[in-house]
Amino acid sequence: MQAGKLRHRVVPQKFISVQDPQTGEIVKKWVNLVQFTDDNGIWAEVYPSSAREFTAAQATQNEITTRITIRRLDDITPKCRILYRGKIYNVEGVLPDPVSGLEYLTLPCSEGLNDG
């Protein structure tokens, strides 16, 4: 993977459950996977690949399928989401690179169905 292709800044997030210390209530929230950069982001290639419109529950829904390529990140799973330019992309799968499987990951993502 050429470093020049990774020119977009994205923020990967995961959904966790934590207990509120004051109330004891279990609170679910999204947290950033990367904490060591100023913007909690990583470099990626974001490539929109298709779009479709469909009807579900008598309402029109839009889905934009996007391919996001990142350097290998062990914590990323299909339960994660990616923030990019104010939009939320739901990770639908995690595909390792075809050569070594250790250099980068390709993430097929959808946008527009839910908040992750």
N, C-alpha and C. Protein backbone atom coordinates (compact mmCIF):
# COMPACT_ATOMS: atom_id res chain seq x y z
N MET A 1 0.86 -1.17 0.00
CA MET A 1 0.00 0.00 0.00
C MET A 1 0.89 1.22 0.00
N GLN A 2 0.67 2.10 -0.94
CA GLN A 2 1.42 3.34 -1.01
C GLN A 2 0.88 4.33 0.02
N ALA A 3 1.79 4.93 0.78
CA ALA A 3 1.38 5.85 1.84
C ALA A 3 0.60 7.04 1.28
N GLY A 4 0.89 7.47 0.05
CA GLY A 4 0.20 8.60 -0.54
C GLY A 4 -1.28 8.37 -0.76
N LYS A 5 -1.71 7.12 -0.86
CA LYS A 5 -3.13 6.83 -1.02
C LYS A 5 -3.91 7.04 0.27
N LEU A 6 -3.23 6.94 1.39
CA LEU A 6 -3.88 7.14 2.69
C LEU A 6 -3.86 8.62 3.02
N ARG A 7 -4.78 9.36 2.40
CA ARG A 7 -4.77 10.82 2.50
C ARG A 7 -5.99 11.40 3.22
N HIS A 8 -6.86 10.56 3.71
CA HIS A 8 -8.06 11.01 4.41
C HIS A 8 -7.92 10.70 5.90
N ARG A 9 -8.40 11.60 6.73
CA ARG A 9 -8.32 11.41 8.18
C ARG A 9 -9.65 10.88 8.67
N VAL A 10 -9.66 9.70 9.28
CA VAL A 10 -10.88 9.07 9.78
C VAL A 10 -10.71 8.75 11.26
N VAL A 11 -11.84 8.60 11.96
CA VAL A 11 -11.82 8.26 13.38
C VAL A 11 -12.60 6.96 13.57
N PRO A 12 -11.90 5.84 13.86
CA PRO A 12 -12.61 4.59 14.14
C PRO A 12 -13.14 4.59 15.57
N GLN A 13 -14.36 4.04 15.76
CA GLN A 13 -14.97 3.99 17.08
C GLN A 13 -15.55 2.61 17.34
N LYS A 14 -15.65 2.27 18.64
CA LYS A 14 -16.31 1.03 19.04
C LYS A 14 -17.37 1.35 20.09
N PHE A 15 -18.37 0.48 20.19
CA PHE A 15 -19.49 0.65 21.11
C PHE A 15 -19.18 -0.12 22.38
N ILE A 16 -19.22 0.55 23.52
CA ILE A 16 -18.94 -0.12 24.78
C ILE A 16 -20.04 0.15 25.80
N SER A 17 -20.09 -0.70 26.81
CA SER A 17 -20.99 -0.51 27.94
C SER A 17 -20.15 -0.21 29.17
N VAL A 18 -20.48 0.86 29.86
CA VAL A 18 -19.78 1.22 31.10
C VAL A 18 -20.82 1.50 32.18
N GLN A 19 -20.41 1.30 33.41
CA GLN A 19 -21.31 1.57 34.53
C GLN A 19 -21.06 2.97 35.07
N ASP A 20 -22.13 3.74 35.17
CA ASP A 20 -22.03 5.08 35.74
C ASP A 20 -21.71 4.95 37.23
N PRO A 21 -20.61 5.54 37.69
CA PRO A 21 -20.22 5.38 39.10
C PRO A 21 -21.20 6.02 40.09
N GLN A 22 -21.97 7.01 39.65
CA GLN A 22 -22.89 7.69 40.57
C GLN A 22 -24.22 6.97 40.68
N THR A 23 -24.75 6.48 39.55
CA THR A 23 -26.07 5.87 39.56
C THR A 23 -26.05 4.36 39.47
N GLY A 24 -24.94 3.79 39.01
CA GLY A 24 -24.87 2.35 38.82
C GLY A 24 -25.50 1.88 37.53
N GLU A 25 -26.05 2.81 36.78
CA GLU A 25 -26.71 2.49 35.52
C GLU A 25 -25.67 2.10 34.47
N ILE A 26 -26.02 1.12 33.64
CA ILE A 26 -25.15 0.72 32.52
C ILE A 26 -25.43 1.67 31.36
N VAL A 27 -24.39 2.36 30.92
CA VAL A 27 -24.51 3.33 29.84
C VAL A 27 -23.73 2.81 28.64
N LYS A 28 -24.36 2.84 27.47
CA LYS A 28 -23.69 2.42 26.24
C LYS A 28 -23.28 3.65 25.47
N LYS A 29 -22.04 3.65 24.98
CA LYS A 29 -21.57 4.82 24.24
C LYS A 29 -20.47 4.41 23.26
N TRP A 30 -20.23 5.30 22.29
CA TRP A 30 -19.17 5.12 21.32
C TRP A 30 -17.90 5.77 21.85
N VAL A 31 -16.78 5.05 21.75
CA VAL A 31 -15.48 5.60 22.15
C VAL A 31 -14.49 5.43 21.00
N ASN A 32 -13.54 6.33 20.92
CA ASN A 32 -12.54 6.28 19.86
C ASN A 32 -11.56 5.14 20.11
N LEU A 33 -11.23 4.40 19.05
CA LEU A 33 -10.25 3.32 19.16
C LEU A 33 -8.83 3.85 19.30
N VAL A 34 -8.58 5.01 18.73
CA VAL A 34 -7.23 5.59 18.74
C VAL A 34 -7.24 6.80 19.66
N GLN A 35 -6.39 6.78 20.67
CA GLN A 35 -6.36 7.87 21.65
C GLN A 35 -5.06 8.66 21.61
N PHE A 36 -4.10 8.24 20.79
CA PHE A 36 -2.76 8.82 20.87
C PHE A 36 -2.48 9.93 19.87
N THR A 37 -3.47 10.38 19.12
CA THR A 37 -3.28 11.50 18.20
C THR A 37 -4.15 12.67 18.65
N ASP A 38 -3.84 13.86 18.18
CA ASP A 38 -4.60 15.05 18.59
C ASP A 38 -6.07 14.96 18.24
N ASP A 39 -6.37 14.41 17.07
CA ASP A 39 -7.77 14.32 16.63
C ASP A 39 -8.34 12.91 16.76
N ASN A 40 -7.62 12.00 17.42
CA ASN A 40 -8.03 10.61 17.58
C ASN A 40 -8.22 9.90 16.24
N GLY A 41 -7.60 10.42 15.19
CA GLY A 41 -7.79 9.88 13.86
C GLY A 41 -6.60 9.10 13.35
N ILE A 42 -6.85 8.40 12.24
CA ILE A 42 -5.81 7.66 11.54
C ILE A 42 -5.92 7.98 10.06
N TRP A 43 -4.87 7.72 9.31
CA TRP A 43 -4.87 7.97 7.87
C TRP A 43 -5.54 6.80 7.15
N ALA A 44 -6.33 7.12 6.14
CA ALA A 44 -7.09 6.11 5.41
C ALA A 44 -7.31 6.56 3.97
N GLU A 45 -7.73 5.60 3.15
CA GLU A 45 -8.23 5.91 1.81
C GLU A 45 -9.73 5.65 1.85
N VAL A 46 -10.52 6.65 1.53
CA VAL A 46 -11.98 6.52 1.52
C VAL A 46 -12.42 6.56 0.06
N TYR A 47 -13.04 5.46 -0.39
CA TYR A 47 -13.40 5.33 -1.80
C TYR A 47 -14.87 4.94 -1.91
N PRO A 48 -15.76 5.87 -2.30
CA PRO A 48 -17.17 5.51 -2.50
C PRO A 48 -17.29 4.57 -3.69
N SER A 49 -18.00 3.46 -3.51
CA SER A 49 -18.06 2.49 -4.60
C SER A 49 -19.44 2.30 -5.20
N SER A 50 -20.52 2.53 -4.44
CA SER A 50 -21.85 2.41 -5.03
C SER A 50 -22.88 3.08 -4.12
N ALA A 51 -24.07 3.26 -4.66
CA ALA A 51 -25.18 3.81 -3.88
C ALA A 51 -26.46 3.12 -4.31
N ARG A 52 -27.37 2.96 -3.39
CA ARG A 52 -28.66 2.38 -3.75
C ARG A 52 -29.74 2.94 -2.84
N GLU A 53 -30.95 2.88 -3.33
CA GLU A 53 -32.10 3.34 -2.57
C GLU A 53 -33.07 2.18 -2.46
N PHE A 54 -33.64 1.97 -1.28
CA PHE A 54 -34.58 0.87 -1.10
C PHE A 54 -35.64 1.28 -0.10
N THR A 55 -36.72 0.51 -0.05
CA THR A 55 -37.82 0.79 0.86
C THR A 55 -37.84 -0.26 1.95
N ALA A 56 -37.82 0.19 3.19
CA ALA A 56 -37.90 -0.70 4.35
C ALA A 56 -38.87 -0.06 5.33
N ALA A 57 -39.80 -0.85 5.84
CA ALA A 57 -40.81 -0.37 6.78
C ALA A 57 -41.55 0.84 6.22
N GLN A 58 -41.89 0.77 4.96
CA GLN A 58 -42.65 1.79 4.25
C GLN A 58 -41.97 3.16 4.27
N ALA A 59 -40.66 3.17 4.35
CA ALA A 59 -39.90 4.42 4.30
C ALA A 59 -38.71 4.23 3.37
N THR A 60 -38.42 5.24 2.60
CA THR A 60 -37.29 5.17 1.69
C THR A 60 -36.00 5.33 2.47
N GLN A 61 -35.07 4.42 2.26
CA GLN A 61 -33.76 4.44 2.91
C GLN A 61 -32.68 4.55 1.84
N ASN A 62 -31.60 5.21 2.18
CA ASN A 62 -30.46 5.30 1.27
C ASN A 62 -29.28 4.57 1.88
N GLU A 63 -28.53 3.90 1.02
CA GLU A 63 -27.31 3.25 1.48
C GLU A 63 -26.20 3.59 0.50
N ILE A 64 -25.14 4.12 1.01
CA ILE A 64 -23.97 4.40 0.18
C ILE A 64 -22.89 3.43 0.63
N THR A 65 -22.44 2.61 -0.28
CA THR A 65 -21.42 1.64 0.06
C THR A 65 -20.06 2.25 -0.24
N THR A 66 -19.20 2.21 0.73
CA THR A 66 -17.88 2.84 0.66
C THR A 66 -16.83 1.83 1.07
N ARG A 67 -15.67 1.94 0.46
CA ARG A 67 -14.54 1.10 0.83
C ARG A 67 -13.51 1.99 1.52
N ILE A 68 -13.16 1.65 2.75
CA ILE A 68 -12.17 2.41 3.51
C ILE A 68 -10.98 1.50 3.77
N THR A 69 -9.79 1.96 3.39
CA THR A 69 -8.57 1.19 3.59
C THR A 69 -7.72 1.90 4.64
N ILE A 70 -7.30 1.14 5.65
CA ILE A 70 -6.49 1.68 6.74
C ILE A 70 -5.29 0.76 6.98
N ARG A 71 -4.28 1.29 7.66
CA ARG A 71 -3.21 0.41 8.13
C ARG A 71 -3.80 -0.52 9.17
N ARG A 72 -3.19 -1.67 9.34
CA ARG A 72 -3.72 -2.69 10.24
C ARG A 72 -3.97 -2.11 11.64
N LEU A 73 -5.15 -2.39 12.15
CA LEU A 73 -5.57 -1.97 13.49
C LEU A 73 -6.28 -3.17 14.11
N ASP A 74 -5.69 -3.77 15.13
CA ASP A 74 -6.19 -5.03 15.68
C ASP A 74 -7.58 -4.93 16.30
N ASP A 75 -7.96 -3.77 16.81
CA ASP A 75 -9.23 -3.64 17.53
C ASP A 75 -10.45 -3.47 16.62
N ILE A 76 -10.26 -3.30 15.32
CA ILE A 76 -11.39 -3.02 14.44
C ILE A 76 -12.17 -4.30 14.13
N THR A 77 -13.49 -4.24 14.25
CA THR A 77 -14.38 -5.37 13.98
C THR A 77 -15.60 -4.86 13.21
N PRO A 78 -16.43 -5.77 12.70
CA PRO A 78 -17.66 -5.32 12.03
C PRO A 78 -18.65 -4.61 12.95
N LYS A 79 -18.41 -4.60 14.25
CA LYS A 79 -19.28 -3.88 15.18
C LYS A 79 -18.85 -2.43 15.35
N CYS A 80 -17.76 -2.04 14.71
CA CYS A 80 -17.23 -0.68 14.82
C CYS A 80 -17.87 0.25 13.79
N ARG A 81 -17.55 1.52 13.92
CA ARG A 81 -17.97 2.50 12.92
C ARG A 81 -16.80 3.46 12.67
N ILE A 82 -16.89 4.19 11.55
CA ILE A 82 -15.86 5.13 11.16
C ILE A 82 -16.51 6.51 11.00
N LEU A 83 -15.91 7.53 11.58
CA LEU A 83 -16.36 8.91 11.38
C LEU A 83 -15.45 9.55 10.34
N TYR A 84 -16.07 10.17 9.33
CA TYR A 84 -15.31 10.83 8.28
C TYR A 84 -16.11 12.02 7.76
N ARG A 85 -15.55 13.20 7.87
CA ARG A 85 -16.17 14.44 7.40
C ARG A 85 -17.61 14.61 7.92
N GLY A 86 -17.81 14.32 9.18
CA GLY A 86 -19.12 14.50 9.80
C GLY A 86 -20.13 13.42 9.49
N LYS A 87 -19.72 12.38 8.79
CA LYS A 87 -20.63 11.27 8.46
C LYS A 87 -20.20 10.02 9.20
N ILE A 88 -21.17 9.14 9.41
CA ILE A 88 -20.93 7.88 10.11
C ILE A 88 -20.99 6.74 9.11
N TYR A 89 -19.96 5.92 9.10
CA TYR A 89 -19.90 4.75 8.23
C TYR A 89 -19.87 3.50 9.10
N ASN A 90 -20.81 2.59 8.88
CA ASN A 90 -20.89 1.35 9.63
C ASN A 90 -19.98 0.32 8.97
N VAL A 91 -19.09 -0.27 9.73
CA VAL A 91 -18.17 -1.28 9.19
C VAL A 91 -18.95 -2.58 9.00
N GLU A 92 -19.01 -3.07 7.77
CA GLU A 92 -19.75 -4.29 7.44
C GLU A 92 -18.86 -5.52 7.43
N GLY A 93 -17.55 -5.33 7.33
CA GLY A 93 -16.61 -6.45 7.31
C GLY A 93 -15.19 -5.93 7.44
N VAL A 94 -14.27 -6.84 7.73
CA VAL A 94 -12.85 -6.50 7.87
C VAL A 94 -12.06 -7.47 7.00
N LEU A 95 -11.45 -6.96 5.94
CA LEU A 95 -10.72 -7.80 4.99
C LEU A 95 -9.22 -7.49 5.07
N PRO A 96 -8.38 -8.48 5.42
CA PRO A 96 -6.94 -8.23 5.45
C PRO A 96 -6.38 -8.13 4.04
N ASP A 97 -5.19 -7.53 3.92
CA ASP A 97 -4.60 -7.40 2.59
C ASP A 97 -4.27 -8.80 2.05
N PRO A 98 -4.36 -8.98 0.73
CA PRO A 98 -4.22 -10.32 0.14
C PRO A 98 -2.79 -10.87 0.15
N VAL A 99 -1.79 -10.05 0.36
CA VAL A 99 -0.41 -10.53 0.29
C VAL A 99 0.03 -11.12 1.64
N SER A 100 0.13 -10.29 2.66
CA SER A 100 0.61 -10.78 3.96
C SER A 100 -0.50 -10.87 5.00
N GLY A 101 -1.56 -10.10 4.81
CA GLY A 101 -2.63 -10.04 5.80
C GLY A 101 -2.27 -9.21 7.01
N LEU A 102 -1.10 -8.58 6.99
CA LEU A 102 -0.62 -7.85 8.16
C LEU A 102 -0.39 -6.37 7.92
N GLU A 103 -0.44 -5.92 6.67
CA GLU A 103 -0.08 -4.54 6.36
C GLU A 103 -1.25 -3.58 6.48
N TYR A 104 -2.36 -3.89 5.84
CA TYR A 104 -3.51 -3.00 5.86
C TYR A 104 -4.81 -3.79 5.87
N LEU A 105 -5.91 -3.09 6.14
CA LEU A 105 -7.25 -3.68 6.16
C LEU A 105 -8.15 -2.90 5.22
N THR A 106 -9.02 -3.61 4.53
CA THR A 106 -10.05 -2.97 3.72
C THR A 106 -11.38 -3.18 4.44
N LEU A 107 -12.10 -2.08 4.65
CA LEU A 107 -13.35 -2.11 5.40
C LEU A 107 -14.51 -1.74 4.48
N PRO A 108 -15.32 -2.71 4.04
CA PRO A 108 -16.54 -2.36 3.33
C PRO A 108 -17.50 -1.70 4.33
N CYS A 109 -18.00 -0.52 4.00
CA CYS A 109 -18.83 0.25 4.94
C CYS A 109 -20.12 0.70 4.28
N SER A 110 -21.13 0.95 5.11
CA SER A 110 -22.38 1.51 4.62
C SER A 110 -22.65 2.81 5.38
N GLU A 111 -23.34 3.70 4.71
CA GLU A 111 -23.69 4.98 5.32
C GLU A 111 -25.16 5.23 5.08
N GLY A 112 -25.84 5.79 6.06
CA GLY A 112 -27.21 6.23 5.83
C GLY A 112 -28.29 5.35 6.40
N LEU A 113 -27.96 4.19 6.97
CA LEU A 113 -28.99 3.33 7.52
C LEU A 113 -29.25 3.59 8.99
N ASN A 114 -28.20 3.78 9.75
CA ASN A 114 -28.34 4.07 11.18
C ASN A 114 -27.09 4.78 11.68
N ASP A 115 -26.99 4.98 12.97
CA ASP A 115 -25.84 5.71 13.50
C ASP A 115 -24.68 4.81 13.87
N GLY A 116 -24.68 3.61 13.40
CA GLY A 116 -23.56 2.71 13.66
C GLY A 116 -23.96 1.56 14.48
